[in-house]
């Protein structure tokens, strides 16, 4: 009988990245999946979230490479033509922002959002620990009630 997706691989995320990921996204996958598995806070059902994080990271890196190569701003130039319509020069008209900067800003936001959900940021780890601590304290409280009996049961 076939297992449900979340039950495959004992419910763990595969250490091998999906074949369709790019080189950088695949490298990211190989770095973060062992960490995520070691925390015990993610399951196989979170695979698409990990994939989105890795893809966003690859986009971020590609934007950074573009900015390193082309700069944050690029000059805007207008061609100057003579009366015959031939281009005889260029006039500088100003600056424009490299579109990669806006894309990079968007990917940083996505990386932060997804990273928090996965516990890859200090804030995300803190929130996951708070959730774990509150559920742990309830479990401890229940265990103590069982051990000592319920309040008002003093025979």
N, C-alpha and C. Protein backbone atom coordinates (compact mmCIF):
# COMPACT_ATOMS: atom_id res chain seq x y z
N UNK A 1 0.84 -1.18 0.00
CA UNK A 1 0.00 0.00 0.00
C UNK A 1 0.89 1.25 0.00
N UNK A 2 0.59 2.19 -0.84
CA UNK A 2 1.38 3.42 -0.96
C UNK A 2 1.18 4.29 0.27
N UNK A 3 2.26 4.92 0.71
CA UNK A 3 2.19 5.81 1.86
C UNK A 3 1.81 7.22 1.40
N UNK A 4 1.16 7.94 2.30
CA UNK A 4 0.88 9.34 2.03
C UNK A 4 2.21 10.09 1.97
N UNK A 5 2.20 11.24 1.30
CA UNK A 5 3.42 12.03 1.13
C UNK A 5 4.10 12.31 2.46
N UNK A 6 3.31 12.75 3.45
CA UNK A 6 3.91 13.14 4.72
C UNK A 6 4.46 11.95 5.51
N UNK A 7 4.09 10.73 5.12
CA UNK A 7 4.59 9.53 5.80
C UNK A 7 5.84 8.95 5.13
N UNK A 8 6.12 9.38 3.91
CA UNK A 8 7.27 8.86 3.19
C UNK A 8 8.56 9.31 3.86
N UNK A 9 9.62 8.51 3.71
CA UNK A 9 10.93 8.83 4.30
C UNK A 9 10.82 9.03 5.81
N UNK A 10 9.95 8.24 6.44
CA UNK A 10 9.70 8.33 7.89
C UNK A 10 9.27 9.72 8.32
N UNK A 11 8.60 10.46 7.44
CA UNK A 11 8.11 11.79 7.75
C UNK A 11 9.19 12.86 7.74
N UNK A 12 10.38 12.52 7.26
CA UNK A 12 11.49 13.48 7.24
C UNK A 12 11.66 14.08 5.85
N UNK A 13 12.23 15.27 5.81
CA UNK A 13 12.53 15.92 4.54
C UNK A 13 13.73 15.22 3.93
N UNK A 14 13.67 14.99 2.64
CA UNK A 14 14.77 14.32 1.94
C UNK A 14 16.03 15.16 2.00
N UNK A 15 17.16 14.52 2.27
CA UNK A 15 18.44 15.23 2.29
C UNK A 15 18.87 15.62 0.89
N UNK A 16 18.35 14.93 -0.11
CA UNK A 16 18.69 15.22 -1.51
C UNK A 16 17.71 16.26 -2.04
N UNK A 17 18.22 17.35 -2.61
CA UNK A 17 17.32 18.40 -3.12
C UNK A 17 16.55 17.91 -4.35
N UNK A 18 15.36 18.48 -4.57
CA UNK A 18 14.61 18.14 -5.79
C UNK A 18 15.44 18.46 -7.03
N UNK A 19 15.29 17.64 -8.05
CA UNK A 19 16.10 17.77 -9.28
C UNK A 19 15.86 19.09 -10.00
N UNK A 20 14.68 19.67 -9.86
CA UNK A 20 14.36 20.89 -10.61
C UNK A 20 14.97 22.16 -9.99
N UNK A 21 15.54 22.06 -8.80
CA UNK A 21 16.16 23.24 -8.20
C UNK A 21 17.45 23.61 -8.93
N UNK A 22 17.74 24.90 -8.98
CA UNK A 22 18.98 25.38 -9.56
C UNK A 22 20.16 25.02 -8.66
N UNK A 23 21.35 25.31 -9.14
CA UNK A 23 22.57 24.94 -8.41
C UNK A 23 22.63 25.59 -7.02
N UNK A 24 22.39 26.88 -6.96
CA UNK A 24 22.48 27.59 -5.68
C UNK A 24 21.38 27.13 -4.73
N UNK A 25 20.16 26.96 -5.25
CA UNK A 25 19.05 26.49 -4.42
C UNK A 25 19.33 25.08 -3.89
N UNK A 26 19.93 24.24 -4.72
CA UNK A 26 20.29 22.89 -4.29
C UNK A 26 21.34 22.91 -3.18
N UNK A 27 22.32 23.81 -3.31
CA UNK A 27 23.34 23.96 -2.26
C UNK A 27 22.70 24.43 -0.96
N UNK A 28 21.78 25.36 -1.07
CA UNK A 28 21.07 25.86 0.10
C UNK A 28 20.31 24.72 0.77
N UNK A 29 19.63 23.90 -0.02
CA UNK A 29 18.88 22.75 0.48
C UNK A 29 19.80 21.83 1.30
N UNK A 30 20.95 21.51 0.72
CA UNK A 30 21.87 20.60 1.39
C UNK A 30 22.43 21.19 2.69
N UNK A 31 22.44 22.50 2.81
CA UNK A 31 22.93 23.14 4.04
C UNK A 31 21.85 23.20 5.12
N UNK A 32 20.63 23.55 4.74
CA UNK A 32 19.63 23.81 5.78
C UNK A 32 18.83 22.58 6.20
N UNK A 33 18.64 21.61 5.31
CA UNK A 33 17.82 20.44 5.68
C UNK A 33 18.43 19.68 6.86
N UNK A 34 19.74 19.41 6.89
CA UNK A 34 20.27 18.73 8.08
C UNK A 34 20.03 19.52 9.37
N UNK A 35 20.16 20.84 9.29
CA UNK A 35 19.90 21.66 10.48
C UNK A 35 18.43 21.56 10.88
N UNK A 36 17.53 21.70 9.90
CA UNK A 36 16.10 21.63 10.20
C UNK A 36 15.73 20.28 10.80
N UNK A 37 16.27 19.22 10.25
CA UNK A 37 15.99 17.88 10.78
C UNK A 37 16.52 17.73 12.20
N UNK A 38 17.66 18.35 12.49
CA UNK A 38 18.24 18.23 13.83
C UNK A 38 17.39 18.94 14.88
N UNK A 39 16.62 19.94 14.46
CA UNK A 39 15.77 20.65 15.43
C UNK A 39 14.53 19.85 15.78
N UNK A 40 14.13 18.95 14.88
CA UNK A 40 12.92 18.16 15.12
C UNK A 40 11.64 18.96 14.98
N UNK A 41 11.73 20.16 14.43
CA UNK A 41 10.56 21.03 14.33
C UNK A 41 9.90 21.01 12.96
N UNK A 42 10.52 20.35 11.98
CA UNK A 42 9.94 20.29 10.64
C UNK A 42 9.64 18.83 10.29
N UNK A 43 8.71 18.69 9.35
CA UNK A 43 8.32 17.36 8.89
C UNK A 43 8.32 17.37 7.37
N UNK A 44 8.12 16.21 6.80
CA UNK A 44 8.13 16.08 5.34
C UNK A 44 7.09 16.99 4.69
N UNK A 45 6.00 17.22 5.36
CA UNK A 45 4.93 18.06 4.80
C UNK A 45 5.42 19.50 4.60
N UNK A 46 6.52 19.88 5.25
CA UNK A 46 7.09 21.22 5.11
C UNK A 46 8.04 21.35 3.93
N UNK A 47 8.14 20.31 3.10
CA UNK A 47 9.07 20.30 1.97
C UNK A 47 8.89 21.50 1.06
N UNK A 48 7.64 21.85 0.74
CA UNK A 48 7.42 22.97 -0.19
C UNK A 48 7.89 24.29 0.42
N UNK A 49 7.76 24.44 1.72
CA UNK A 49 8.23 25.64 2.40
C UNK A 49 9.76 25.74 2.33
N UNK A 50 10.43 24.62 2.53
CA UNK A 50 11.89 24.58 2.42
C UNK A 50 12.30 24.89 0.98
N UNK A 51 11.56 24.33 0.03
CA UNK A 51 11.86 24.58 -1.38
C UNK A 51 11.71 26.06 -1.72
N UNK A 52 10.64 26.69 -1.23
CA UNK A 52 10.45 28.12 -1.49
C UNK A 52 11.60 28.93 -0.90
N UNK A 53 12.04 28.57 0.29
CA UNK A 53 13.16 29.28 0.92
C UNK A 53 14.40 29.17 0.05
N UNK A 54 14.69 27.98 -0.43
CA UNK A 54 15.90 27.76 -1.23
C UNK A 54 15.83 28.49 -2.57
N UNK A 55 14.65 28.50 -3.19
CA UNK A 55 14.48 29.21 -4.47
C UNK A 55 14.66 30.71 -4.25
N UNK A 56 14.06 31.24 -3.19
CA UNK A 56 14.21 32.67 -2.88
C UNK A 56 15.68 33.01 -2.62
N UNK A 57 16.39 32.10 -1.96
CA UNK A 57 17.81 32.34 -1.71
C UNK A 57 18.59 32.40 -3.03
N UNK A 58 18.27 31.52 -3.96
CA UNK A 58 18.95 31.55 -5.26
C UNK A 58 18.65 32.86 -6.00
N UNK A 59 17.41 33.31 -5.95
CA UNK A 59 17.05 34.58 -6.59
C UNK A 59 17.84 35.73 -5.94
N UNK A 60 17.91 35.71 -4.61
CA UNK A 60 18.67 36.72 -3.87
C UNK A 60 20.12 36.75 -4.33
N UNK A 61 20.75 35.60 -4.42
CA UNK A 61 22.15 35.53 -4.84
C UNK A 61 22.33 36.01 -6.28
N UNK A 62 21.40 35.65 -7.17
CA UNK A 62 21.49 36.10 -8.56
C UNK A 62 21.36 37.62 -8.64
N UNK A 63 20.45 38.19 -7.85
CA UNK A 63 20.31 39.65 -7.81
C UNK A 63 21.59 40.30 -7.32
N UNK A 64 22.19 39.74 -6.31
CA UNK A 64 23.43 40.29 -5.77
C UNK A 64 24.54 40.27 -6.82
N UNK A 65 24.64 39.18 -7.56
CA UNK A 65 25.65 39.10 -8.62
C UNK A 65 25.40 40.16 -9.69
N UNK A 66 24.12 40.36 -10.05
CA UNK A 66 23.78 41.39 -11.04
C UNK A 66 24.15 42.77 -10.54
N UNK A 67 23.89 43.04 -9.27
CA UNK A 67 24.21 44.34 -8.70
C UNK A 67 25.73 44.54 -8.64
N UNK A 68 26.47 43.49 -8.30
CA UNK A 68 27.93 43.60 -8.30
C UNK A 68 28.45 43.91 -9.70
N UNK A 69 27.85 43.30 -10.69
CA UNK A 69 28.31 43.48 -12.08
C UNK A 69 27.87 44.82 -12.66
N UNK A 70 26.62 45.21 -12.42
CA UNK A 70 26.05 46.39 -13.08
C UNK A 70 25.85 47.60 -12.17
N UNK A 71 26.07 47.44 -10.88
CA UNK A 71 25.90 48.55 -9.96
C UNK A 71 24.46 48.72 -9.50
N UNK A 72 24.29 49.57 -8.51
CA UNK A 72 22.96 49.84 -7.97
C UNK A 72 22.16 50.71 -8.92
N UNK A 73 22.85 51.62 -9.60
CA UNK A 73 22.19 52.52 -10.55
C UNK A 73 22.87 52.41 -11.91
N UNK A 74 22.08 52.71 -12.91
CA UNK A 74 22.60 52.71 -14.28
C UNK A 74 22.27 54.05 -14.93
N UNK A 75 23.14 54.55 -15.78
CA UNK A 75 22.85 55.82 -16.45
C UNK A 75 21.74 55.66 -17.49
N UNK A 76 20.93 56.70 -17.61
CA UNK A 76 19.92 56.74 -18.66
C UNK A 76 20.47 57.67 -19.74
N UNK A 77 20.54 57.15 -20.94
CA UNK A 77 21.08 57.93 -22.06
C UNK A 77 20.06 57.97 -23.19
N UNK A 78 20.06 59.08 -23.89
CA UNK A 78 19.17 59.27 -25.03
C UNK A 78 20.04 59.48 -26.27
N UNK A 79 19.67 58.77 -27.33
CA UNK A 79 20.43 58.89 -28.58
C UNK A 79 20.18 60.25 -29.22
N UNK A 80 21.24 60.83 -29.77
CA UNK A 80 21.15 62.09 -30.50
C UNK A 80 21.30 61.76 -31.98
N UNK A 81 20.32 62.27 -32.78
CA UNK A 81 20.33 61.98 -34.22
C UNK A 81 20.52 63.27 -35.01
N UNK A 82 21.12 63.11 -36.19
CA UNK A 82 21.23 64.27 -37.08
C UNK A 82 19.97 64.35 -37.93
N UNK A 83 19.91 65.30 -38.84
CA UNK A 83 18.71 65.50 -39.66
C UNK A 83 18.43 64.32 -40.59
N UNK A 84 19.44 63.49 -40.85
CA UNK A 84 19.25 62.32 -41.71
C UNK A 84 18.78 61.11 -40.90
N UNK A 85 18.67 61.26 -39.57
CA UNK A 85 18.22 60.16 -38.72
C UNK A 85 19.33 59.26 -38.23
N UNK A 86 20.57 59.64 -38.53
CA UNK A 86 21.70 58.83 -38.08
C UNK A 86 22.05 59.20 -36.64
N UNK A 87 22.39 58.18 -35.85
CA UNK A 87 22.78 58.43 -34.46
C UNK A 87 24.20 58.97 -34.45
N UNK A 88 24.33 60.15 -33.84
CA UNK A 88 25.64 60.80 -33.81
C UNK A 88 26.20 60.93 -32.39
N UNK A 89 25.43 60.51 -31.41
CA UNK A 89 25.92 60.61 -30.03
C UNK A 89 24.85 60.22 -29.03
N UNK A 90 25.19 60.41 -27.76
CA UNK A 90 24.27 60.10 -26.67
C UNK A 90 24.28 61.25 -25.68
N UNK A 91 23.11 61.54 -25.12
CA UNK A 91 22.98 62.53 -24.06
C UNK A 91 22.63 61.81 -22.76
N UNK A 92 23.31 62.18 -21.69
CA UNK A 92 23.01 61.64 -20.37
C UNK A 92 21.78 62.37 -19.85
N UNK A 93 20.76 61.61 -19.41
CA UNK A 93 19.54 62.25 -18.92
C UNK A 93 19.27 61.96 -17.45
N UNK A 94 20.05 61.10 -16.83
CA UNK A 94 19.83 60.82 -15.41
C UNK A 94 20.22 59.40 -15.04
N UNK A 95 19.72 59.00 -13.90
CA UNK A 95 20.01 57.67 -13.38
C UNK A 95 18.72 56.89 -13.17
N UNK A 96 18.83 55.59 -13.27
CA UNK A 96 17.71 54.71 -12.93
C UNK A 96 18.23 53.63 -12.00
N UNK A 97 17.34 53.14 -11.15
CA UNK A 97 17.72 52.09 -10.22
C UNK A 97 17.80 50.76 -10.96
N UNK A 98 18.80 49.97 -10.64
CA UNK A 98 18.92 48.63 -11.19
C UNK A 98 17.70 47.83 -10.72
N UNK A 99 16.92 47.24 -11.63
CA UNK A 99 15.74 46.47 -11.22
C UNK A 99 16.07 45.32 -10.27
N UNK A 100 17.30 44.85 -10.29
CA UNK A 100 17.69 43.76 -9.39
C UNK A 100 17.62 44.19 -7.92
N UNK A 101 17.75 45.51 -7.65
CA UNK A 101 17.69 45.97 -6.26
C UNK A 101 16.29 45.78 -5.69
N UNK A 102 15.26 46.05 -6.48
CA UNK A 102 13.88 45.86 -6.02
C UNK A 102 13.58 44.38 -5.83
N UNK A 103 14.04 43.56 -6.76
CA UNK A 103 13.83 42.12 -6.65
C UNK A 103 14.56 41.58 -5.42
N UNK A 104 15.76 42.09 -5.19
CA UNK A 104 16.54 41.65 -4.03
C UNK A 104 15.82 42.01 -2.73
N UNK A 105 15.26 43.21 -2.69
CA UNK A 105 14.51 43.64 -1.50
C UNK A 105 13.33 42.71 -1.25
N UNK A 106 12.61 42.36 -2.31
CA UNK A 106 11.47 41.44 -2.18
C UNK A 106 11.92 40.07 -1.67
N UNK A 107 13.02 39.57 -2.20
CA UNK A 107 13.47 38.24 -1.79
C UNK A 107 13.95 38.23 -0.34
N UNK A 108 14.56 39.32 0.11
CA UNK A 108 14.97 39.40 1.52
C UNK A 108 13.74 39.31 2.42
N UNK A 109 12.67 40.00 2.04
CA UNK A 109 11.43 39.92 2.81
C UNK A 109 10.87 38.51 2.84
N UNK A 110 10.87 37.84 1.69
CA UNK A 110 10.37 36.46 1.63
C UNK A 110 11.26 35.52 2.44
N UNK A 111 12.58 35.70 2.32
CA UNK A 111 13.49 34.85 3.10
C UNK A 111 13.25 35.01 4.59
N UNK A 112 13.03 36.25 5.03
CA UNK A 112 12.75 36.48 6.45
C UNK A 112 11.45 35.82 6.88
N UNK A 113 10.40 35.99 6.08
CA UNK A 113 9.11 35.39 6.43
C UNK A 113 9.19 33.87 6.50
N UNK A 114 9.74 33.26 5.48
CA UNK A 114 9.84 31.80 5.44
C UNK A 114 10.83 31.32 6.50
N UNK A 115 11.92 32.06 6.66
CA UNK A 115 12.92 31.69 7.67
C UNK A 115 12.35 31.67 9.07
N UNK A 116 11.48 32.62 9.39
CA UNK A 116 10.82 32.63 10.70
C UNK A 116 9.96 31.39 10.86
N UNK A 117 9.20 31.05 9.82
CA UNK A 117 8.33 29.88 9.89
C UNK A 117 9.13 28.59 10.09
N UNK A 118 10.31 28.53 9.50
CA UNK A 118 11.13 27.33 9.60
C UNK A 118 12.07 27.34 10.81
N UNK A 119 12.15 28.47 11.50
CA UNK A 119 13.05 28.57 12.64
C UNK A 119 14.49 28.83 12.22
N UNK A 120 14.68 29.49 11.08
CA UNK A 120 16.02 29.77 10.57
C UNK A 120 16.53 31.14 10.98
N UNK A 121 15.73 31.89 11.71
CA UNK A 121 16.15 33.21 12.18
C UNK A 121 16.14 33.19 13.71
N UNK A 122 16.87 34.09 14.34
CA UNK A 122 16.81 34.13 15.81
C UNK A 122 15.38 34.32 16.32
N UNK A 123 14.62 35.19 15.66
CA UNK A 123 13.23 35.41 16.07
C UNK A 123 12.41 34.14 15.89
N UNK A 124 12.60 33.47 14.76
CA UNK A 124 11.87 32.23 14.50
C UNK A 124 12.19 31.15 15.51
N UNK A 125 13.48 31.01 15.86
CA UNK A 125 13.87 30.01 16.86
C UNK A 125 13.28 30.35 18.22
N UNK A 126 13.25 31.64 18.55
CA UNK A 126 12.68 32.07 19.83
C UNK A 126 11.19 31.74 19.88
N UNK A 127 10.47 32.02 18.79
CA UNK A 127 9.04 31.73 18.75
C UNK A 127 8.78 30.23 18.84
N UNK A 128 9.58 29.44 18.15
CA UNK A 128 9.42 27.98 18.22
C UNK A 128 9.70 27.47 19.63
N UNK A 129 10.71 28.04 20.29
CA UNK A 129 11.02 27.62 21.66
C UNK A 129 9.90 28.01 22.62
N UNK A 130 9.29 29.18 22.41
CA UNK A 130 8.18 29.61 23.25
C UNK A 130 7.01 28.65 23.10
N UNK A 131 6.72 28.27 21.86
CA UNK A 131 5.64 27.31 21.61
C UNK A 131 5.98 25.98 22.27
N UNK A 132 7.21 25.52 22.10
CA UNK A 132 7.62 24.25 22.69
C UNK A 132 7.57 24.31 24.21
N UNK A 133 8.03 25.43 24.80
CA UNK A 133 8.03 25.58 26.25
C UNK A 133 6.61 25.59 26.81
N UNK A 134 5.68 26.29 26.13
CA UNK A 134 4.31 26.36 26.63
C UNK A 134 3.64 25.00 26.55
N UNK A 135 3.87 24.25 25.47
CA UNK A 135 3.26 22.93 25.37
C UNK A 135 3.93 21.97 26.36
N UNK A 136 5.23 22.15 26.60
CA UNK A 136 5.94 21.30 27.56
C UNK A 136 5.45 21.58 28.97
N UNK A 137 5.24 22.86 29.34
CA UNK A 137 4.80 23.18 30.69
C UNK A 137 3.39 22.66 30.93
N UNK A 138 2.54 22.65 29.93
CA UNK A 138 1.21 22.07 30.09
C UNK A 138 1.32 20.58 30.34
N UNK A 139 2.19 19.92 29.62
CA UNK A 139 2.38 18.49 29.79
C UNK A 139 2.92 18.20 31.19
N UNK A 140 3.86 18.99 31.64
CA UNK A 140 4.43 18.82 32.98
C UNK A 140 3.36 19.06 34.04
N UNK A 141 2.57 20.10 33.83
CA UNK A 141 1.49 20.41 34.78
C UNK A 141 0.51 19.25 34.87
N UNK A 142 0.13 18.70 33.73
CA UNK A 142 -0.79 17.57 33.72
C UNK A 142 -0.19 16.36 34.44
N UNK A 143 1.10 16.13 34.21
CA UNK A 143 1.77 15.00 34.87
C UNK A 143 1.80 15.19 36.38
N UNK A 144 2.05 16.42 36.84
CA UNK A 144 2.07 16.69 38.28
C UNK A 144 0.68 16.52 38.89
N UNK A 145 -0.35 16.95 38.18
CA UNK A 145 -1.72 16.78 38.67
C UNK A 145 -2.04 15.30 38.83
N UNK A 146 -1.63 14.51 37.87
CA UNK A 146 -1.87 13.07 37.96
C UNK A 146 -1.12 12.47 39.14
N UNK A 147 0.12 12.88 39.32
CA UNK A 147 0.95 12.31 40.38
C UNK A 147 0.42 12.67 41.77
N UNK A 148 0.08 13.96 41.98
CA UNK A 148 -0.35 14.41 43.29
C UNK A 148 -1.86 14.38 43.47
N UNK A 149 -2.60 14.09 42.43
CA UNK A 149 -4.05 14.13 42.50
C UNK A 149 -4.53 15.52 42.18
N UNK A 150 -5.80 15.66 41.88
CA UNK A 150 -6.35 16.96 41.51
C UNK A 150 -6.55 17.82 42.74
N UNK A 151 -6.63 19.12 42.54
CA UNK A 151 -6.81 20.08 43.63
C UNK A 151 -8.15 19.80 44.31
N UNK A 152 -8.17 19.78 45.61
CA UNK A 152 -9.39 19.51 46.35
C UNK A 152 -9.57 18.03 46.65
N UNK A 153 -8.70 17.19 46.15
CA UNK A 153 -8.77 15.75 46.39
C UNK A 153 -7.75 15.41 47.47
N UNK A 154 -8.01 15.82 48.71
CA UNK A 154 -7.04 15.64 49.79
C UNK A 154 -7.53 14.61 50.79
N UNK A 155 -7.42 13.36 50.51
CA UNK A 155 -7.83 12.31 51.44
C UNK A 155 -6.67 11.70 52.12
